[in-house]
């Protein structure tokens, strides 16, 4: 399984902390495949580049023969993870949970290998649905109220006079026990999940198992340079975004994000990352060129070098030479379209109408080279239309014969 120090050294690039590093070195040296816990609650199936930091670390370990155990938290999703929440999460229906599970599996396969030798799928309903009440109460008895209330989010809610559901206090216990039930050797998570995974170590030790190693990873800001990437803030780059959208979004980031993004989202040599950071700090054309290099590196990682070259050429053609791209995707209308907002919803179906209205009001939408600023303005889809929405997103609609 390769030299432990070399493996850990490679992982360190995107690592914040390793809890149990000596255990990790020992397990890697033993030469047996590690069981790597990757658990998700099935609430929001939109994975972004921030999530992918963990996935790429797991992929490195898969390539060495270790196994990712992808845990779908179908039971814990019914409870709701309180992490980062000031209010209780809404409860999803079984149908929504099932649909989200399918979406998650599809998205992780963009990074992770999914052959059975290095990938296993489990659901925590496997052990919780059949657990007797007495056994569940026994688990609760191994965690104290003081341990649970040490979480800053719970303390903040109490101080603010907000309610905490008993099921939310139970959630970290359930997630912690998952580590024992699935025999986890290692888990790679964002630092916001450290409390839950420390409880996993707690249960494993209490129940006679060697505790899992916990690696926490670097968390970077979203595209706005402030809050972490989030769909609700529309400041993220999705794994399923097109190469063009990935490239364009990366070109929009503040200059100060070039270095951290290049560091954690690419495999560029660290000397190159340092050079890009210096260029970004210089500003002007140097910063633009640094972003071009960053965007090309990210697109290469997900879509290949050929696609990255094509997107770089398209971007330079559009912005340097101010010309319309030649490979504009065509959209077929499958429902009546009468207004600018309807048209934008047809070409950007994954975004909410409020997000699209904001795009229109910002002056970011043109139709046949005419800026559209009124969402209710009528359009005629019986004529050829070229729609530009945002700096590099183009669509065309041809009238049906």
Protein backbone atom coordinates (compact mmCIF):
# COMPACT_ATOMS: atom_id res chain seq x y z
CA UNK A 1 0.00 0.00 0.00
CA UNK A 2 3.07 2.26 -0.40
CA UNK A 3 5.17 4.01 2.22
CA UNK A 4 3.02 5.44 5.07
CA UNK A 5 5.01 8.67 5.33
CA UNK A 6 4.74 9.24 1.57
CA UNK A 7 0.98 8.60 1.59
CA UNK A 8 0.38 10.93 4.53
CA UNK A 9 2.69 13.52 3.01
CA UNK A 10 0.61 13.58 -0.16
CA UNK A 11 -2.63 13.90 1.82
CA UNK A 12 -1.23 16.78 3.87
CA UNK A 13 -1.63 19.23 1.02
CA UNK A 14 -5.35 19.58 1.78
CA UNK A 15 -5.30 18.45 5.42
CA UNK A 16 -6.09 20.68 8.37
CA UNK A 17 -5.50 18.13 11.17
CA UNK A 18 -5.06 14.38 11.69
CA UNK A 19 -6.52 12.88 14.86
CA UNK A 20 -4.76 9.56 15.41
CA UNK A 21 -1.85 10.06 13.00
CA UNK A 22 0.28 7.39 14.67
CA UNK A 23 -2.57 4.91 14.20
CA UNK A 24 -2.81 5.87 10.53
CA UNK A 25 0.90 5.26 9.98
CA UNK A 26 0.61 1.88 11.69
CA UNK A 27 -2.44 0.83 9.66
CA UNK A 28 -0.88 1.86 6.38
CA UNK A 29 2.29 -0.05 7.27
CA UNK A 30 0.24 -3.19 8.01
CA UNK A 31 -0.59 -3.45 4.31
CA UNK A 32 -4.29 -4.26 4.63
CA UNK A 33 -6.95 -2.23 2.81
CA UNK A 34 -8.42 0.47 5.04
CA UNK A 35 -12.17 1.02 5.31
CA UNK A 36 -12.66 4.74 4.70
CA UNK A 37 -15.96 6.12 5.97
CA UNK A 38 -17.64 8.67 3.73
CA UNK A 39 -21.02 9.52 5.19
CA UNK A 40 -23.63 11.88 3.81
CA UNK A 41 -27.08 12.87 4.92
CA UNK A 42 -29.42 12.93 1.97
CA UNK A 43 -30.64 16.49 2.32
CA UNK A 44 -28.90 18.48 -0.42
CA UNK A 45 -27.51 16.39 -3.28
CA UNK A 46 -25.52 19.20 -4.90
CA UNK A 47 -21.83 18.53 -4.37
CA UNK A 48 -19.33 21.30 -5.08
CA UNK A 49 -15.56 21.71 -5.31
CA UNK A 50 -15.36 22.08 -1.53
CA UNK A 51 -16.86 18.63 -1.04
CA UNK A 52 -14.56 17.27 -3.72
CA UNK A 53 -11.44 18.08 -1.67
CA UNK A 54 -12.34 15.11 0.54
CA UNK A 55 -13.32 12.98 -2.45
CA UNK A 56 -9.95 13.47 -4.17
CA UNK A 57 -8.12 12.47 -1.00
CA UNK A 58 -10.22 9.31 -0.87
CA UNK A 59 -9.54 8.71 -4.55
CA UNK A 60 -5.79 8.81 -3.87
CA UNK A 61 -6.28 6.10 -1.24
CA UNK A 62 -8.52 4.06 -3.55
CA UNK A 63 -5.75 4.07 -6.14
CA UNK A 64 -3.55 2.43 -3.48
CA UNK A 65 -6.13 -0.32 -2.93
CA UNK A 66 -8.08 1.09 0.03
CA UNK A 67 -11.89 0.95 0.11
CA UNK A 68 -14.31 3.85 0.45
CA UNK A 69 -17.46 2.84 2.30
CA UNK A 70 -20.10 5.30 1.12
CA UNK A 71 -22.62 5.60 3.92
CA UNK A 72 -26.02 6.95 2.87
CA UNK A 73 -27.60 8.35 6.02
CA UNK A 74 -31.16 7.46 5.11
CA UNK A 75 -32.12 7.08 8.79
CA UNK A 76 -30.19 10.07 10.11
CA UNK A 77 -31.61 12.22 7.32
CA UNK A 78 -35.00 11.75 8.97
CA UNK A 79 -33.46 13.23 12.12
CA UNK A 80 -31.58 16.12 10.53
CA UNK A 81 -27.96 17.15 11.07
CA UNK A 82 -27.90 20.30 13.27
CA UNK A 83 -24.35 21.17 12.18
CA UNK A 84 -24.12 24.84 11.26
CA UNK A 85 -27.83 25.37 11.84
CA UNK A 86 -29.49 28.03 13.97
CA UNK A 87 -32.89 26.40 13.42
CA UNK A 88 -34.26 22.87 13.06
CA UNK A 89 -33.93 21.31 9.60
CA UNK A 90 -37.12 20.33 7.71
CA UNK A 91 -37.90 16.61 7.51
CA UNK A 92 -37.75 15.03 4.03
CA UNK A 93 -40.15 12.45 2.65
CA UNK A 94 -38.92 8.90 1.86
CA UNK A 95 -39.30 9.69 -1.86
CA UNK A 96 -37.08 12.78 -1.54
CA UNK A 97 -34.49 10.80 0.41
CA UNK A 98 -34.43 8.08 -2.27
CA UNK A 99 -34.06 10.60 -5.10
CA UNK A 100 -31.25 12.40 -3.27
CA UNK A 101 -29.44 9.10 -2.67
CA UNK A 102 -29.42 8.39 -6.41
CA UNK A 103 -28.13 11.89 -7.13
CA UNK A 104 -25.33 11.56 -4.57
CA UNK A 105 -24.18 8.25 -6.03
CA UNK A 106 -24.08 9.73 -9.51
CA UNK A 107 -22.10 12.77 -8.41
CA UNK A 108 -19.45 11.01 -6.29
CA UNK A 109 -18.72 8.76 -9.27
CA UNK A 110 -17.31 11.87 -11.01
CA UNK A 111 -14.31 11.56 -8.67
CA UNK A 112 -14.39 8.22 -6.85
CA UNK A 113 -13.83 4.81 -8.40
CA UNK A 114 -16.95 2.68 -7.96
CA UNK A 115 -15.76 -0.87 -8.66
CA UNK A 116 -16.64 -3.19 -5.73
CA UNK A 117 -13.03 -3.80 -4.74
CA UNK A 118 -12.60 -0.16 -3.67
CA UNK A 119 -16.19 1.07 -3.19
CA UNK A 120 -19.02 -0.16 -1.00
CA UNK A 121 -22.42 1.42 -0.41
CA UNK A 122 -24.17 1.09 2.95
CA UNK A 123 -27.26 2.68 4.51
CA UNK A 124 -27.48 3.31 8.23
CA UNK A 125 -31.07 2.08 8.26
CA UNK A 126 -29.45 -1.37 7.95
CA UNK A 127 -28.58 -1.32 11.65
CA UNK A 128 -30.96 1.27 13.06
CA UNK A 129 -34.23 -0.10 11.65
CA UNK A 130 -33.70 -3.39 13.50
CA UNK A 131 -32.21 -1.97 16.71
CA UNK A 132 -34.17 -2.64 19.90
CA UNK A 133 -35.12 0.30 22.13
CA UNK A 134 -33.06 -1.14 25.00
CA UNK A 135 -29.95 -1.23 22.80
CA UNK A 136 -30.57 2.33 21.57
CA UNK A 137 -30.96 3.56 25.14
CA UNK A 138 -27.70 1.83 25.94
CA UNK A 139 -25.98 3.96 23.29
CA UNK A 140 -27.50 7.14 24.69
CA UNK A 141 -26.22 6.16 28.13
CA UNK A 142 -22.64 6.31 26.88
CA UNK A 143 -22.81 10.02 26.03
CA UNK A 144 -23.35 12.80 28.56
CA UNK A 145 -25.43 15.93 28.28
CA UNK A 146 -22.26 17.98 28.90
CA UNK A 147 -20.59 16.36 25.88
CA UNK A 148 -23.49 17.25 23.61
CA UNK A 149 -23.89 20.78 24.92
CA UNK A 150 -20.19 21.44 24.31
CA UNK A 151 -21.10 21.96 20.65
CA UNK A 152 -20.93 25.66 19.91
CA UNK A 153 -24.08 25.57 17.77
CA UNK A 154 -26.16 24.17 20.63
CA UNK A 155 -24.76 26.73 23.07
CA UNK A 156 -25.49 29.51 20.59
CA UNK A 157 -29.09 28.37 20.22
CA UNK A 158 -29.61 28.26 23.98
CA UNK A 159 -28.12 31.73 24.38
CA UNK A 160 -30.38 33.03 21.59
CA UNK A 161 -33.47 31.43 23.17
CA UNK A 162 -34.03 29.07 20.21
CA UNK A 163 -35.39 25.59 20.68
CA UNK A 164 -33.31 22.42 20.32
CA UNK A 165 -35.23 19.27 19.46
CA UNK A 166 -34.32 16.11 21.37
CA UNK A 167 -33.84 14.40 17.99
CA UNK A 168 -31.12 16.96 17.18
CA UNK A 169 -29.26 16.14 20.39
CA UNK A 170 -29.51 12.48 19.41
CA UNK A 171 -28.10 13.05 15.92
CA UNK A 172 -24.38 13.15 16.87
CA UNK A 173 -24.86 9.92 18.85
CA UNK A 174 -26.35 8.18 15.82
CA UNK A 175 -23.65 9.45 13.49
CA UNK A 176 -20.96 8.45 15.95
CA UNK A 177 -22.28 4.90 16.24
CA UNK A 178 -22.19 4.60 12.44
CA UNK A 179 -18.40 4.43 12.66
CA UNK A 180 -18.61 1.36 14.88
CA UNK A 181 -21.34 -0.32 12.82
CA UNK A 182 -19.42 -0.01 9.57
CA UNK A 183 -15.97 -0.77 11.07
CA UNK A 184 -14.44 2.50 9.94
CA UNK A 185 -10.63 2.79 9.97
CA UNK A 186 -10.50 6.35 8.67
CA UNK A 187 -12.82 9.20 7.86
CA UNK A 188 -12.03 12.40 5.95
CA UNK A 189 -14.33 15.32 6.79
CA UNK A 190 -14.58 19.08 6.99
CA UNK A 191 -13.69 20.53 10.37
CA UNK A 192 -17.38 21.25 11.01
CA UNK A 193 -17.95 17.48 11.33
CA UNK A 194 -15.14 16.86 13.81
CA UNK A 195 -17.44 16.67 16.85
CA UNK A 196 -19.59 13.93 15.32
CA UNK A 197 -16.56 11.91 14.20
CA UNK A 198 -14.92 12.26 17.61
CA UNK A 199 -18.04 10.59 18.98
CA UNK A 200 -17.37 7.83 16.46
CA UNK A 201 -13.97 7.28 18.05
CA UNK A 202 -15.64 7.37 21.47
CA UNK A 203 -18.10 4.59 20.58
CA UNK A 204 -15.50 2.43 18.88
CA UNK A 205 -13.28 2.54 21.96
CA UNK A 206 -16.21 1.91 24.33
CA UNK A 207 -17.34 -1.08 22.26
CA UNK A 208 -13.94 -2.71 21.96
CA UNK A 209 -12.80 -1.52 18.53
CA UNK A 210 -9.72 0.46 17.52
CA UNK A 211 -10.80 4.09 17.01
CA UNK A 212 -10.98 5.50 13.52
CA UNK A 213 -8.48 8.09 12.36
CA UNK A 214 -10.11 11.45 11.60
CA UNK A 215 -8.62 13.73 8.96
CA UNK A 216 -10.14 17.20 8.77
CA UNK A 217 -9.64 19.10 5.55
CA UNK A 218 -9.10 22.68 4.46
CA UNK A 219 -12.30 24.68 3.98
CA UNK A 220 -12.13 27.54 1.47
CA UNK A 221 -14.52 30.48 0.98
CA UNK A 222 -17.09 30.53 -1.78
CA UNK A 223 -16.84 32.56 -4.96
CA UNK A 224 -17.64 35.77 -3.08
CA UNK A 225 -14.59 35.30 -0.83
CA UNK A 226 -16.70 35.30 2.33
CA UNK A 227 -18.99 32.42 3.34
CA UNK A 228 -18.18 28.81 2.43
CA UNK A 229 -19.64 27.45 -0.78
CA UNK A 230 -23.40 27.05 -0.59
CA UNK A 231 -26.23 26.55 -3.05
CA UNK A 232 -28.47 28.89 -1.06
CA UNK A 233 -25.87 31.68 -1.42
CA UNK A 234 -25.22 30.79 -5.09
CA UNK A 235 -21.47 31.13 -4.45
CA UNK A 236 -20.36 27.63 -5.37
CA UNK A 237 -18.94 25.62 -8.27
CA UNK A 238 -20.91 22.40 -8.62
CA UNK A 239 -19.35 19.10 -9.61
CA UNK A 240 -22.03 18.79 -12.27
CA UNK A 241 -21.46 22.31 -13.62
CA UNK A 242 -20.42 22.30 -17.26
CA UNK A 243 -16.76 22.92 -18.11
CA UNK A 244 -17.77 26.36 -19.35
CA UNK A 245 -19.54 27.23 -16.12
CA UNK A 246 -16.61 26.01 -14.02
CA UNK A 247 -14.19 28.06 -16.09
CA UNK A 248 -16.34 31.18 -16.03
CA UNK A 249 -17.03 31.02 -12.29
CA UNK A 250 -13.34 30.65 -11.51
CA UNK A 251 -12.57 33.71 -13.62
CA UNK A 252 -15.00 35.68 -11.43
CA UNK A 253 -13.33 35.03 -8.06
CA UNK A 254 -11.54 37.77 -6.09
CA UNK A 255 -7.79 37.87 -6.68
CA UNK A 256 -7.04 36.76 -3.13
CA UNK A 257 -8.74 33.39 -3.73
CA UNK A 258 -6.35 32.34 -6.49
CA UNK A 259 -3.76 30.91 -4.09
CA UNK A 260 -6.11 28.91 -1.78
CA UNK A 261 -8.15 27.62 -4.73
CA UNK A 262 -5.03 26.55 -6.64
CA UNK A 263 -3.70 24.91 -3.51
CA UNK A 264 -6.74 22.79 -2.66
CA UNK A 265 -8.64 22.43 -5.95
CA UNK A 266 -5.76 21.51 -8.28
CA UNK A 267 -2.68 19.32 -8.39
CA UNK A 268 -0.45 22.08 -9.71
CA UNK A 269 3.06 21.95 -8.19
CA UNK A 270 3.33 24.10 -5.07
CA UNK A 271 5.98 26.26 -6.76
CA UNK A 272 3.43 27.01 -9.49
CA UNK A 273 0.78 27.79 -6.86
CA UNK A 274 3.19 30.27 -5.23
CA UNK A 275 3.84 31.91 -8.60
CA UNK A 276 0.11 32.23 -9.26
CA UNK A 277 -0.36 33.79 -5.83
CA UNK A 278 2.30 36.39 -6.61
CA UNK A 279 0.67 37.17 -9.97
CA UNK A 280 -2.76 37.52 -8.35
CA UNK A 281 -1.32 39.89 -5.75
CA UNK A 282 0.16 42.03 -8.52
CA UNK A 283 -3.33 42.58 -9.94
CA UNK A 284 -4.27 43.66 -13.45
CA UNK A 285 -3.33 41.44 -16.43
CA UNK A 286 -1.07 39.29 -14.22
CA UNK A 287 -4.01 38.42 -11.94
CA UNK A 288 -6.20 37.66 -14.97
CA UNK A 289 -3.58 35.31 -16.36
CA UNK A 290 -3.28 33.59 -12.97
CA UNK A 291 -7.02 32.95 -12.97
CA UNK A 292 -6.81 31.59 -16.51
CA UNK A 293 -4.15 29.10 -15.35
CA UNK A 294 -6.24 28.17 -12.30
CA UNK A 295 -9.45 27.72 -14.30
CA UNK A 296 -7.67 25.58 -16.90
CA UNK A 297 -6.18 23.39 -14.16
CA UNK A 298 -9.56 22.79 -12.49
CA UNK A 299 -11.32 22.01 -15.77
CA UNK A 300 -8.46 19.67 -16.73
CA UNK A 301 -8.91 17.76 -13.47
CA UNK A 302 -12.60 17.09 -14.09
CA UNK A 303 -12.96 17.12 -17.86
CA UNK A 304 -9.54 16.57 -19.40
CA UNK A 305 -6.83 18.74 -20.94
CA UNK A 306 -8.53 18.95 -24.35
CA UNK A 307 -11.70 20.42 -22.89
CA UNK A 308 -9.67 22.86 -20.79
CA UNK A 309 -7.82 24.12 -23.88
CA UNK A 310 -11.12 24.61 -25.70
CA UNK A 311 -12.60 26.57 -22.79
CA UNK A 312 -9.49 28.71 -22.48
CA UNK A 313 -9.67 29.51 -26.20
CA UNK A 314 -13.38 30.26 -25.96
CA UNK A 315 -12.89 32.56 -22.98
CA UNK A 316 -10.09 34.48 -24.66
CA UNK A 317 -12.12 34.72 -27.87
CA UNK A 318 -15.14 36.06 -26.03
CA UNK A 319 -13.43 38.50 -23.70
CA UNK A 320 -10.21 39.46 -25.44
CA UNK A 321 -11.61 39.69 -28.95
CA UNK A 322 -15.20 40.46 -27.87
CA UNK A 323 -16.65 37.92 -30.28
CA UNK A 324 -19.56 35.55 -29.91
CA UNK A 325 -18.52 31.91 -29.34
CA UNK A 326 -18.97 29.50 -32.24
CA UNK A 327 -20.15 26.47 -30.24
CA UNK A 328 -23.25 27.86 -28.53
CA UNK A 329 -25.51 25.08 -27.21
CA UNK A 330 -29.02 24.86 -28.67
CA UNK A 331 -32.04 24.56 -26.38
CA UNK A 332 -35.27 22.96 -27.54
CA UNK A 333 -38.34 24.52 -25.96
CA UNK A 334 -40.73 21.92 -24.61
CA UNK A 335 -43.28 24.35 -23.15
CA UNK A 336 -44.70 27.78 -24.08
CA UNK A 337 -42.38 30.74 -23.53
CA UNK A 338 -43.79 34.27 -23.56
CA UNK A 339 -41.52 36.44 -21.37
CA UNK A 340 -37.82 37.05 -20.78
CA UNK A 341 -38.09 35.24 -17.44
CA UNK A 342 -39.76 32.22 -19.09
CA UNK A 343 -36.98 32.13 -21.68
CA UNK A 344 -34.24 32.32 -19.07
CA UNK A 345 -35.90 29.55 -17.04
CA UNK A 346 -35.92 27.36 -20.15
CA UNK A 347 -32.19 27.75 -20.80
CA UNK A 348 -31.14 27.65 -17.11
CA UNK A 349 -33.56 25.10 -15.63
CA UNK A 350 -31.56 24.34 -12.47
CA UNK A 351 -31.86 27.87 -11.05
CA UNK A 352 -34.79 29.38 -9.18
CA UNK A 353 -36.90 32.10 -10.74
CA UNK A 354 -35.77 34.52 -8.02
CA UNK A 355 -32.13 33.87 -8.99
CA UNK A 356 -33.01 34.44 -12.65
CA UNK A 357 -34.86 37.69 -11.88
CA UNK A 358 -31.78 38.90 -10.01
CA UNK A 359 -29.63 38.08 -13.06
CA UNK A 360 -31.97 40.08 -15.29
CA UNK A 361 -32.08 43.08 -12.94
CA UNK A 362 -28.28 43.07 -12.76
CA UNK A 363 -28.17 43.65 -16.52
CA UNK A 364 -26.43 40.32 -17.14
CA UNK A 365 -28.90 39.09 -19.78
CA UNK A 366 -28.95 39.98 -23.47
CA UNK A 367 -31.18 38.60 -26.20
CA UNK A 368 -29.90 39.02 -29.76
CA UNK A 369 -27.35 41.56 -28.43
CA UNK A 370 -30.04 43.66 -26.74
CA UNK A 371 -29.90 43.95 -22.95
CA UNK A 372 -33.03 42.60 -21.24
CA UNK A 373 -33.81 44.25 -17.90
CA UNK A 374 -37.52 43.52 -17.50
CA UNK A 375 -38.43 39.91 -16.58
CA UNK A 376 -41.97 40.39 -17.91
CA UNK A 377 -40.94 41.77 -21.31
CA UNK A 378 -42.48 39.62 -24.09
CA UNK A 379 -40.32 37.45 -26.35
CA UNK A 380 -41.12 35.67 -29.59
CA UNK A 381 -39.58 32.17 -29.68
CA UNK A 382 -40.81 31.81 -33.27
CA UNK A 383 -37.73 33.82 -34.32
CA UNK A 384 -34.06 32.79 -33.89
CA UNK A 385 -32.76 33.89 -30.47
CA UNK A 386 -29.27 34.02 -28.99
CA UNK A 387 -29.32 34.48 -25.21
CA UNK A 388 -26.33 35.53 -23.16
CA UNK A 389 -26.83 35.24 -19.39
CA UNK A 390 -23.81 36.13 -17.31
CA UNK A 391 -20.35 36.76 -18.72
CA UNK A 392 -19.88 33.48 -20.60
CA UNK A 393 -23.14 31.56 -20.67
CA UNK A 394 -24.69 31.46 -24.13
CA UNK A 395 -27.69 29.57 -25.52
CA UNK A 396 -29.49 29.68 -28.83
CA UNK A 397 -33.05 28.83 -29.76
CA UNK A 398 -34.09 28.05 -33.30
CA UNK A 399 -37.74 28.29 -34.27
CA UNK A 400 -39.40 24.96 -34.85
CA UNK A 401 -40.32 24.34 -38.50
